[in-house]
Amino acid sequence: MSAIPDQSRGLLREVARMYTRAQRVVADCCRTTNTQCHLLTELARTGPLPLSELGTRVSLEKSWVSRAVEAMVERGLVTKEPNPLDARSWLVTLTDEGVRTVDDLNQTLDAHAEQLLGSLSTRERAAVESSLLLLMKALREDTAANCCLPPPERKETKSCC
């Protein structure tokens, strides 16, 4: 039997679900598909990536990633060029327009987070921040949360995908 109350387990899932839904609505997901938005934000976070690694990092099948990247190339958000380190793969890089798109998205998401947190008292915000830092620490140590990320972002190198 678990030492964690059912209410806490369900609360964490519900908060994550509701926050993700709200962020998608508020941001209109960069006026792209959810898949494209996810890929753009990952590229902004990591820098250029081989197409296959990009798919692995966002847990999407190669065909989904390929189609999304092609659509983003057509919109001028990313470039796709032969990988200089592996002639069999493609390297995906944000363009200046892609960087602007992600910056706009981040500003919108930050404003939404500020609005949500602004509805709390100073003491409540401090408690939320403390709790989020504890959750972040736990997630950084969690194998499932770090699955498929190459070192050094995760400590363990055993594949879980």
C-alpha atoms as a PDB file:
ATOM      1  CA  MET A   1       0.000   0.000   0.000  1.00  0.00           C
ATOM      2  CA  SER A   2       1.311   3.452  -0.953  1.00  0.00           C
ATOM      3  CA  ALA A   3       2.270   6.002   1.688  1.00  0.00           C
ATOM      4  CA  ILE A   4       1.198   8.801  -0.683  1.00  0.00           C
ATOM      5  CA  PRO A   5      -2.507   9.676  -0.317  1.00  0.00           C
ATOM      6  CA  ASP A   6      -4.746   9.169  -3.367  1.00  0.00           C
ATOM      7  CA  GLN A   7      -5.627  12.859  -3.204  1.00  0.00           C
ATOM      8  CA  SER A   8      -1.972  13.917  -3.669  1.00  0.00           C
ATOM      9  CA  ARG A   9      -1.397  11.584  -6.626  1.00  0.00           C
ATOM     10  CA  GLY A  10      -4.555  12.728  -8.350  1.00  0.00           C
ATOM     11  CA  LEU A  11      -3.906  16.384  -7.534  1.00  0.00           C
ATOM     12  CA  LEU A  12      -0.492  16.336  -9.195  1.00  0.00           C
ATOM     13  CA  ARG A  13      -1.931  14.762 -12.372  1.00  0.00           C
ATOM     14  CA  GLU A  14      -4.850  17.191 -12.426  1.00  0.00           C
ATOM     15  CA  VAL A  15      -2.658  20.275 -11.935  1.00  0.00           C
ATOM     16  CA  ALA A  16      -0.310  19.134 -14.719  1.00  0.00           C
ATOM     17  CA  ARG A  17      -3.253  18.425 -17.056  1.00  0.00           C
ATOM     18  CA  MET A  18      -5.050  21.711 -16.367  1.00  0.00           C
ATOM     19  CA  TYR A  19      -1.902  23.840 -16.604  1.00  0.00           C
ATOM     20  CA  THR A  20      -0.877  22.207 -19.891  1.00  0.00           C
ATOM     21  CA  ARG A  21      -4.361  22.743 -21.330  1.00  0.00           C
ATOM     22  CA  ALA A  22      -4.447  26.382 -20.187  1.00  0.00           C
ATOM     23  CA  GLN A  23      -1.000  27.093 -21.645  1.00  0.00           C
ATOM     24  CA  ARG A  24      -2.022  25.598 -25.003  1.00  0.00           C
ATOM     25  CA  VAL A  25      -5.146  27.754 -25.107  1.00  0.00           C
ATOM     26  CA  VAL A  26      -3.392  30.947 -23.995  1.00  0.00           C
ATOM     27  CA  ALA A  27      -0.454  30.528 -26.359  1.00  0.00           C
ATOM     28  CA  ASP A  28      -2.466  29.291 -29.330  1.00  0.00           C
ATOM     29  CA  CYS A  29       0.637  27.108 -29.546  1.00  0.00           C
ATOM     30  CA  CYS A  30       2.663  29.533 -31.699  1.00  0.00           C
ATOM     31  CA  ARG A  31      -0.004  29.425 -34.381  1.00  0.00           C
ATOM     32  CA  THR A  32       1.335  26.003 -35.335  1.00  0.00           C
ATOM     33  CA  THR A  33       0.295  22.468 -34.546  1.00  0.00           C
ATOM     34  CA  ASN A  34       1.001  21.164 -31.043  1.00  0.00           C
ATOM     35  CA  THR A  35       3.665  18.892 -32.533  1.00  0.00           C
ATOM     36  CA  GLN A  36       5.422  21.779 -34.278  1.00  0.00           C
ATOM     37  CA  CYS A  37       5.238  23.906 -31.142  1.00  0.00           C
ATOM     38  CA  HIS A  38       6.767  21.108 -29.086  1.00  0.00           C
ATOM     39  CA  LEU A  39       9.600  20.707 -31.606  1.00  0.00           C
ATOM     40  CA  LEU A  40      10.260  24.457 -31.782  1.00  0.00           C
ATOM     41  CA  THR A  41      10.521  24.802 -28.024  1.00  0.00           C
ATOM     42  CA  GLU A  42      12.829  21.786 -27.790  1.00  0.00           C
ATOM     43  CA  LEU A  43      15.120  23.260 -30.456  1.00  0.00           C
ATOM     44  CA  ALA A  44      15.151  26.589 -28.606  1.00  0.00           C
ATOM     45  CA  ARG A  45      16.093  24.768 -25.412  1.00  0.00           C
ATOM     46  CA  THR A  46      18.827  22.577 -26.900  1.00  0.00           C
ATOM     47  CA  GLY A  47      20.069  24.180 -30.094  1.00  0.00           C
ATOM     48  CA  PRO A  48      20.387  22.334 -33.416  1.00  0.00           C
ATOM     49  CA  LEU A  49      19.619  18.614 -33.267  1.00  0.00           C
ATOM     50  CA  PRO A  50      19.676  15.673 -35.628  1.00  0.00           C
ATOM     51  CA  LEU A  51      16.139  14.890 -36.776  1.00  0.00           C
ATOM     52  CA  SER A  52      16.144  11.487 -35.055  1.00  0.00           C
ATOM     53  CA  GLU A  53      17.334  12.909 -31.722  1.00  0.00           C
ATOM     54  CA  LEU A  54      14.725  15.657 -31.889  1.00  0.00           C
ATOM     55  CA  GLY A  55      12.028  12.985 -32.214  1.00  0.00           C
ATOM     56  CA  THR A  56      13.489  10.966 -29.368  1.00  0.00           C
ATOM     57  CA  ARG A  57      13.602  13.991 -27.068  1.00  0.00           C
ATOM     58  CA  VAL A  58       9.922  14.769 -27.591  1.00  0.00           C
ATOM     59  CA  SER A  59       8.860  11.102 -27.712  1.00  0.00           C
ATOM     60  CA  LEU A  60       7.408  11.237 -31.210  1.00  0.00           C
ATOM     61  CA  GLU A  61       7.694   8.788 -34.080  1.00  0.00           C
ATOM     62  CA  LYS A  62      10.058   9.646 -36.906  1.00  0.00           C
ATOM     63  CA  SER A  63       7.227  10.085 -39.442  1.00  0.00           C
ATOM     64  CA  TRP A  64       5.455  12.675 -37.246  1.00  0.00           C
ATOM     65  CA  VAL A  65       8.673  14.587 -36.705  1.00  0.00           C
ATOM     66  CA  SER A  66       9.605  14.493 -40.401  1.00  0.00           C
ATOM     67  CA  ARG A  67       6.221  15.853 -41.498  1.00  0.00           C
ATOM     68  CA  ALA A  68       6.249  18.564 -38.819  1.00  0.00           C
ATOM     69  CA  VAL A  69       9.804  19.623 -39.677  1.00  0.00           C
ATOM     70  CA  GLU A  70       8.973  19.803 -43.400  1.00  0.00           C
ATOM     71  CA  ALA A  71       5.998  22.069 -42.636  1.00  0.00           C
ATOM     72  CA  MET A  72       8.208  24.273 -40.437  1.00  0.00           C
ATOM     73  CA  VAL A  73      10.856  24.466 -43.181  1.00  0.00           C
ATOM     74  CA  GLU A  74       8.143  25.693 -45.582  1.00  0.00           C
ATOM     75  CA  ARG A  75       7.116  28.367 -43.060  1.00  0.00           C
ATOM     76  CA  GLY A  76      10.731  29.470 -42.575  1.00  0.00           C
ATOM     77  CA  LEU A  77      10.848  28.480 -38.888  1.00  0.00           C
ATOM     78  CA  VAL A  78      13.641  25.896 -39.181  1.00  0.00           C
ATOM     79  CA  THR A  79      16.277  24.714 -41.620  1.00  0.00           C
ATOM     80  CA  LYS A  80      17.019  21.080 -42.355  1.00  0.00           C
ATOM     81  CA  GLU A  81      20.476  20.380 -43.689  1.00  0.00           C
ATOM     82  CA  PRO A  82      22.753  17.365 -43.950  1.00  0.00           C
ATOM     83  CA  ASN A  83      24.366  16.641 -40.599  1.00  0.00           C
ATOM     84  CA  PRO A  84      28.112  17.341 -40.886  1.00  0.00           C
ATOM     85  CA  LEU A  85      28.784  14.670 -38.230  1.00  0.00           C
ATOM     86  CA  ASP A  86      26.651  11.952 -39.864  1.00  0.00           C
ATOM     87  CA  ALA A  87      25.945  12.024 -43.585  1.00  0.00           C
ATOM     88  CA  ARG A  88      22.952   9.692 -43.067  1.00  0.00           C
ATOM     89  CA  SER A  89      21.022  12.195 -40.939  1.00  0.00           C
ATOM     90  CA  TRP A  90      19.561  15.686 -41.073  1.00  0.00           C
ATOM     91  CA  LEU A  91      20.354  18.546 -38.705  1.00  0.00           C
ATOM     92  CA  VAL A  92      17.391  20.747 -37.740  1.00  0.00           C
ATOM     93  CA  THR A  93      18.088  24.349 -36.694  1.00  0.00           C
ATOM     94  CA  LEU A  94      15.840  27.259 -35.742  1.00  0.00           C
ATOM     95  CA  THR A  95      15.871  30.192 -38.143  1.00  0.00           C
ATOM     96  CA  ASP A  96      15.674  33.789 -36.935  1.00  0.00           C
ATOM     97  CA  GLU A  97      11.914  33.600 -37.541  1.00  0.00           C
ATOM     98  CA  GLY A  98      11.767  30.386 -35.500  1.00  0.00           C
ATOM     99  CA  VAL A  99      13.626  32.090 -32.648  1.00  0.00           C
ATOM    100  CA  ARG A 100      11.180  35.029 -32.782  1.00  0.00           C
ATOM    101  CA  THR A 101       8.243  32.603 -32.746  1.00  0.00           C
ATOM    102  CA  VAL A 102       9.571  30.803 -29.674  1.00  0.00           C
ATOM    103  CA  ASP A 103      10.384  34.116 -27.957  1.00  0.00           C
ATOM    104  CA  ASP A 104       6.804  35.301 -28.559  1.00  0.00           C
ATOM    105  CA  LEU A 105       5.503  32.003 -27.215  1.00  0.00           C
ATOM    106  CA  ASN A 106       7.658  32.229 -24.091  1.00  0.00           C
ATOM    107  CA  GLN A 107       6.535  35.806 -23.417  1.00  0.00           C
ATOM    108  CA  THR A 108       2.892  34.732 -23.705  1.00  0.00           C
ATOM    109  CA  LEU A 109       3.405  31.710 -21.444  1.00  0.00           C
ATOM    110  CA  ASP A 110       5.338  33.796 -18.904  1.00  0.00           C
ATOM    111  CA  ALA A 111       2.536  36.369 -18.817  1.00  0.00           C
ATOM    112  CA  HIS A 112       0.019  33.591 -18.211  1.00  0.00           C
ATOM    113  CA  ALA A 113       2.128  32.136 -15.385  1.00  0.00           C
ATOM    114  CA  GLU A 114       2.487  35.612 -13.880  1.00  0.00           C
ATOM    115  CA  GLN A 115      -1.281  36.080 -14.017  1.00  0.00           C
ATOM    116  CA  LEU A 116      -1.879  32.752 -12.272  1.00  0.00           C
ATOM    117  CA  LEU A 117       0.733  33.352  -9.605  1.00  0.00           C
ATOM    118  CA  GLY A 118      -0.415  36.950  -9.203  1.00  0.00           C
ATOM    119  CA  SER A 119      -3.759  35.688  -7.931  1.00  0.00           C
ATOM    120  CA  LEU A 120      -1.945  34.224  -4.902  1.00  0.00           C
ATOM    121  CA  SER A 121      -0.701  36.013  -1.820  1.00  0.00           C
ATOM    122  CA  THR A 122       3.039  36.525  -1.339  1.00  0.00           C
ATOM    123  CA  ARG A 123       3.074  33.698   1.196  1.00  0.00           C
ATOM    124  CA  GLU A 124       1.155  31.350  -1.125  1.00  0.00           C
ATOM    125  CA  ARG A 125       3.490  32.153  -4.031  1.00  0.00           C
ATOM    126  CA  ALA A 126       6.489  31.322  -1.842  1.00  0.00           C
ATOM    127  CA  ALA A 127       4.878  28.009  -0.880  1.00  0.00           C
ATOM    128  CA  VAL A 128       4.118  27.195  -4.527  1.00  0.00           C
ATOM    129  CA  GLU A 129       7.674  28.060  -5.571  1.00  0.00           C
ATOM    130  CA  SER A 130       9.121  25.912  -2.818  1.00  0.00           C
ATOM    131  CA  SER A 131       6.873  23.013  -3.801  1.00  0.00           C
ATOM    132  CA  LEU A 132       7.734  23.387  -7.485  1.00  0.00           C
ATOM    133  CA  LEU A 133      11.461  23.349  -6.687  1.00  0.00           C
ATOM    134  CA  LEU A 134      10.969  20.123  -4.721  1.00  0.00           C
ATOM    135  CA  LEU A 135       9.016  18.576  -7.620  1.00  0.00           C
ATOM    136  CA  MET A 136      11.700  19.685 -10.081  1.00  0.00           C
ATOM    137  CA  LYS A 137      14.362  18.019  -7.957  1.00  0.00           C
ATOM    138  CA  ALA A 138      12.342  14.800  -7.855  1.00  0.00           C
ATOM    139  CA  LEU A 139      11.716  14.934 -11.617  1.00  0.00           C
ATOM    140  CA  ARG A 140      15.408  15.474 -12.367  1.00  0.00           C
ATOM    141  CA  GLU A 141      16.126  12.270 -10.464  1.00  0.00           C
ATOM    142  CA  ASP A 142      13.225  10.350 -12.053  1.00  0.00           C
ATOM    143  CA  THR A 143      14.143   7.836 -14.758  1.00  0.00           C
ATOM    144  CA  ALA A 144      10.832   8.245 -16.609  1.00  0.00           C
ATOM    145  CA  ALA A 145      11.103  12.053 -16.743  1.00  0.00           C
ATOM    146  CA  ASN A 146      14.599  11.799 -18.182  1.00  0.00           C
ATOM    147  CA  CYS A 147      14.073   8.868 -20.488  1.00  0.00           C
ATOM    148  CA  CYS A 148      15.641   9.239 -23.900  1.00  0.00           C
ATOM    149  CA  LEU A 149      17.718  12.303 -23.011  1.00  0.00           C
ATOM    150  CA  PRO A 150      21.386  11.948 -23.840  1.00  0.00           C
ATOM    151  CA  PRO A 151      24.048  12.628 -21.217  1.00  0.00           C
ATOM    152  CA  PRO A 152      24.827  15.023 -19.534  1.00  0.00           C
ATOM    153  CA  GLU A 153      21.150  15.940 -19.093  1.00  0.00           C
ATOM    154  CA  ARG A 154      20.509  12.646 -17.374  1.00  0.00           C
ATOM    155  CA  LYS A 155      22.795  10.762 -15.063  1.00  0.00           C
ATOM    156  CA  GLU A 156      21.813   7.253 -16.098  1.00  0.00           C
ATOM    157  CA  THR A 157      22.693   6.075 -19.616  1.00  0.00           C
ATOM    158  CA  LYS A 158      20.492   2.963 -19.674  1.00  0.00           C
ATOM    159  CA  SER A 159      17.926   3.278 -22.471  1.00  0.00           C
ATOM    160  CA  CYS A 160      14.324   3.247 -21.399  1.00  0.00           C
ATOM    161  CA  CYS A 161      12.638   3.917 -24.737  1.00  0.00           C
END
